[in-house]
Protein backbone atom coordinates (compact mmCIF):
# COMPACT_ATOMS: atom_id res chain seq x y z
CA UNK A 1 0.00 0.00 0.00
CA UNK A 2 1.41 3.43 -0.91
CA UNK A 3 2.49 5.51 2.10
CA UNK A 4 -0.05 8.29 1.39
CA UNK A 5 -2.96 5.84 1.29
CA UNK A 6 -1.67 4.12 4.41
CA UNK A 7 -1.41 7.47 6.21
CA UNK A 8 -5.00 8.35 5.30
CA UNK A 9 -6.16 4.96 6.54
CA UNK A 10 -4.24 5.36 9.80
CA UNK A 11 -5.65 8.84 10.34
CA UNK A 12 -9.21 7.67 9.60
CA UNK A 13 -8.80 4.84 12.11
CA UNK A 14 -7.46 7.23 14.74
CA UNK A 15 -10.26 9.73 14.33
CA UNK A 16 -13.16 7.28 14.10
CA UNK A 17 -12.60 6.29 17.73
CA UNK A 18 -12.80 9.87 18.87
CA UNK A 19 -16.28 11.23 19.40
CA UNK A 20 -17.13 14.87 18.82
CA UNK A 21 -17.39 15.27 22.59
CA UNK A 22 -13.70 14.42 22.93
CA UNK A 23 -12.48 17.00 20.43
CA UNK A 24 -11.11 20.13 22.05
CA UNK A 25 -13.14 22.32 19.71
CA UNK A 26 -16.18 21.02 21.60
CA UNK A 27 -14.65 21.36 25.08
CA UNK A 28 -14.14 24.27 27.44
CA UNK A 29 -10.95 26.27 27.37
CA UNK A 30 -10.42 25.10 30.97
CA UNK A 31 -10.37 21.45 29.82
CA UNK A 32 -7.81 22.27 27.13
CA UNK A 33 -5.58 24.20 29.55
CA UNK A 34 -5.84 21.50 32.22
CA UNK A 35 -4.78 18.86 29.67
CA UNK A 36 -2.03 21.11 28.35
CA UNK A 37 -0.60 21.51 31.85
CA UNK A 38 -0.90 17.81 32.68
CA UNK A 39 1.74 15.15 32.19
CA UNK A 40 0.40 14.12 28.78
CA UNK A 41 2.09 14.02 25.39
CA UNK A 42 -0.69 16.12 23.86
CA UNK A 43 -1.90 18.77 23.61
CA UNK A 44 1.44 20.46 23.21
CA UNK A 45 3.27 23.05 21.17
CA UNK A 46 1.65 22.27 17.83
CA UNK A 47 -1.89 22.59 19.07
CA UNK A 48 -0.96 25.72 21.04
CA UNK A 49 0.39 27.24 17.82
CA UNK A 50 -2.94 26.49 16.13
CA UNK A 51 -4.90 27.92 19.05
CA UNK A 52 -2.77 31.09 18.93
CA UNK A 53 -3.63 31.40 15.25
CA UNK A 54 -7.34 30.91 15.96
CA UNK A 55 -7.24 33.57 18.70
CA UNK A 56 -5.42 36.00 16.42
CA UNK A 57 -7.94 35.47 13.63
CA UNK A 58 -10.84 35.86 16.07
CA UNK A 59 -9.51 39.29 17.06
CA UNK A 60 -9.12 40.33 13.43
CA UNK A 61 -12.66 39.13 12.72
CA UNK A 62 -13.94 41.15 15.69
CA UNK A 63 -12.30 44.29 14.32
CA UNK A 64 -13.82 43.64 10.89
CA UNK A 65 -17.27 43.07 12.41
CA UNK A 66 -17.07 46.32 14.41
CA UNK A 67 -15.99 48.16 11.25
CA UNK A 68 -18.70 46.90 8.91
CA UNK A 69 -21.89 48.94 8.76
CA UNK A 70 -20.30 52.13 10.04
CA UNK A 71 -20.67 55.13 7.73
CA UNK A 72 -17.13 56.28 8.50
CA UNK A 73 -15.70 53.06 6.97
CA UNK A 74 -18.21 52.61 4.11
CA UNK A 75 -15.55 53.07 1.40
CA UNK A 76 -13.60 50.08 2.80
CA UNK A 77 -16.58 47.77 3.22
CA UNK A 78 -15.80 45.45 0.29
CA UNK A 79 -12.21 44.94 1.44
CA UNK A 80 -13.21 44.47 5.10
CA UNK A 81 -15.84 41.88 4.10
CA UNK A 82 -13.18 39.99 2.13
CA UNK A 83 -10.82 40.09 5.12
CA UNK A 84 -13.60 38.91 7.44
CA UNK A 85 -14.40 35.99 5.16
CA UNK A 86 -10.74 34.92 5.11
CA UNK A 87 -10.11 35.35 8.85
CA UNK A 88 -13.23 33.33 9.65
CA UNK A 89 -12.14 30.60 7.25
CA UNK A 90 -8.66 30.54 8.78
CA UNK A 91 -10.09 30.55 12.32
CA UNK A 92 -12.20 27.47 11.55
CA UNK A 93 -9.19 25.68 10.06
CA UNK A 94 -6.97 26.57 13.02
CA UNK A 95 -9.56 25.05 15.34
CA UNK A 96 -9.48 21.83 13.30
CA UNK A 97 -5.69 21.88 13.43
CA UNK A 98 -5.74 22.08 17.25
CA UNK A 99 -7.46 18.69 17.32
CA UNK A 100 -5.56 17.19 14.38
CA UNK A 101 -2.24 17.97 16.03
CA UNK A 102 -3.38 16.35 19.28
CA UNK A 103 -4.63 13.24 17.46
CA UNK A 104 -1.52 12.79 15.34
CA UNK A 105 0.99 13.53 18.07
CA UNK A 106 -0.86 11.21 20.48
CA UNK A 107 -0.51 8.48 17.87
CA UNK A 108 3.21 9.26 17.54
CA UNK A 109 3.81 9.22 21.30
CA UNK A 110 1.62 6.19 21.91
CA UNK A 111 3.39 3.65 19.74
CA UNK A 112 6.72 1.94 19.53
CA UNK A 113 6.04 0.73 15.99
CA UNK A 114 8.64 2.56 13.88
CA UNK A 115 6.46 2.61 10.77
CA UNK A 116 3.49 4.15 12.59
CA UNK A 117 5.80 6.56 14.40
CA UNK A 118 7.39 7.70 11.12
CA UNK A 119 4.00 8.15 9.45
CA UNK A 120 2.65 10.11 12.42
CA UNK A 121 5.74 12.33 12.50
CA UNK A 122 5.36 13.05 8.80
CA UNK A 123 1.69 13.95 9.29
CA UNK A 124 2.57 16.07 12.33
CA UNK A 125 5.09 18.01 10.23
CA UNK A 126 2.41 18.72 7.62
CA UNK A 127 0.14 20.08 10.34
CA UNK A 128 2.67 22.50 11.84
CA UNK A 129 3.72 23.64 8.37
CA UNK A 130 0.09 24.41 7.57
CA UNK A 131 -0.24 26.31 10.86
CA UNK A 132 2.81 28.45 10.04
CA UNK A 133 1.54 29.18 6.52
CA UNK A 134 -1.94 30.15 7.74
CA UNK A 135 -0.49 32.40 10.45
CA UNK A 136 1.67 34.13 7.85
CA UNK A 137 -1.29 34.60 5.51
CA UNK A 138 -3.52 35.96 8.29
CA UNK A 139 -0.82 38.41 9.38
CA UNK A 140 -1.05 40.01 5.94
CA UNK A 141 -4.51 41.39 6.86
CA UNK A 142 -3.23 43.34 9.86
CA UNK A 143 -1.91 46.43 8.01
CA UNK A 144 -5.22 46.91 6.17
CA UNK A 145 -7.25 46.51 9.36
CA UNK A 146 -4.94 48.86 11.24
CA UNK A 147 -5.34 51.47 8.52
CA UNK A 148 -8.98 50.96 7.49
CA UNK A 149 -10.60 49.25 10.45
CA UNK A 150 -12.43 50.77 13.38
CA UNK A 151 -9.89 53.12 14.96
CA UNK A 152 -11.05 52.27 18.49
CA UNK A 153 -9.84 48.71 17.94
CA UNK A 154 -6.26 49.25 16.77
CA UNK A 155 -5.05 47.56 19.96
CA UNK A 156 -7.03 44.46 18.99
CA UNK A 157 -5.40 44.41 15.56
CA UNK A 158 -2.00 44.61 17.26
CA UNK A 159 -2.91 41.89 19.77
CA UNK A 160 -4.15 39.72 16.88
CA UNK A 161 -0.87 40.28 15.05
CA UNK A 162 1.08 39.26 18.17
CA UNK A 163 -0.98 36.07 18.54
CA UNK A 164 -0.50 35.21 14.88
CA UNK A 165 3.25 35.86 15.21
CA UNK A 166 3.34 33.61 18.27
CA UNK A 167 1.46 30.90 16.36
CA UNK A 168 3.85 31.23 13.42
CA UNK A 169 6.95 31.04 15.62
CA UNK A 170 5.57 28.21 17.75
CA UNK A 171 4.78 26.21 14.64
CA UNK A 172 8.27 26.84 13.25
CA UNK A 173 9.99 25.42 16.31
CA UNK A 174 7.95 22.25 15.83
CA UNK A 175 9.00 21.78 12.20
CA UNK A 176 11.65 19.09 11.83
CA UNK A 177 12.37 19.06 15.55
CA UNK A 178 14.30 15.86 16.28
CA UNK A 179 12.38 13.46 18.50
């Protein structure tokens, strides 16, 4: 069986045993933080990077939502709507990546089978690379929101940029880290 097909099969088998109730996207932030602080292999740095990206995008979306519909910003409405659509799409994907990173890294940490470990590591690398790319792309919206967004929320644009930078950097340190 080709490695790609085998990886997809492994991932499908891992995720079918996990109910929606067990996914962090359906849990409280307290549950996530308690598990993060516990002596568990996951969640860890990869999922934190994804969560940082989701938080950053949520702030950018908030700024866009507070900007839309205001007469003062009417001339930027089309651009702000486009930014809002993208930040919401990225935010949803980051939330998926929080759980995907936990699932894949748990598989990596929970086996001694070298083939499964190698496949899980490869999948984990794809996840953190995607996180870094999405953080970089989302950061590109910050200058436009700082310039054209609701002026009362410039601090939220800056905080969003910091969270996206943290997500980007956290993902980078997880790329090709020897284990």
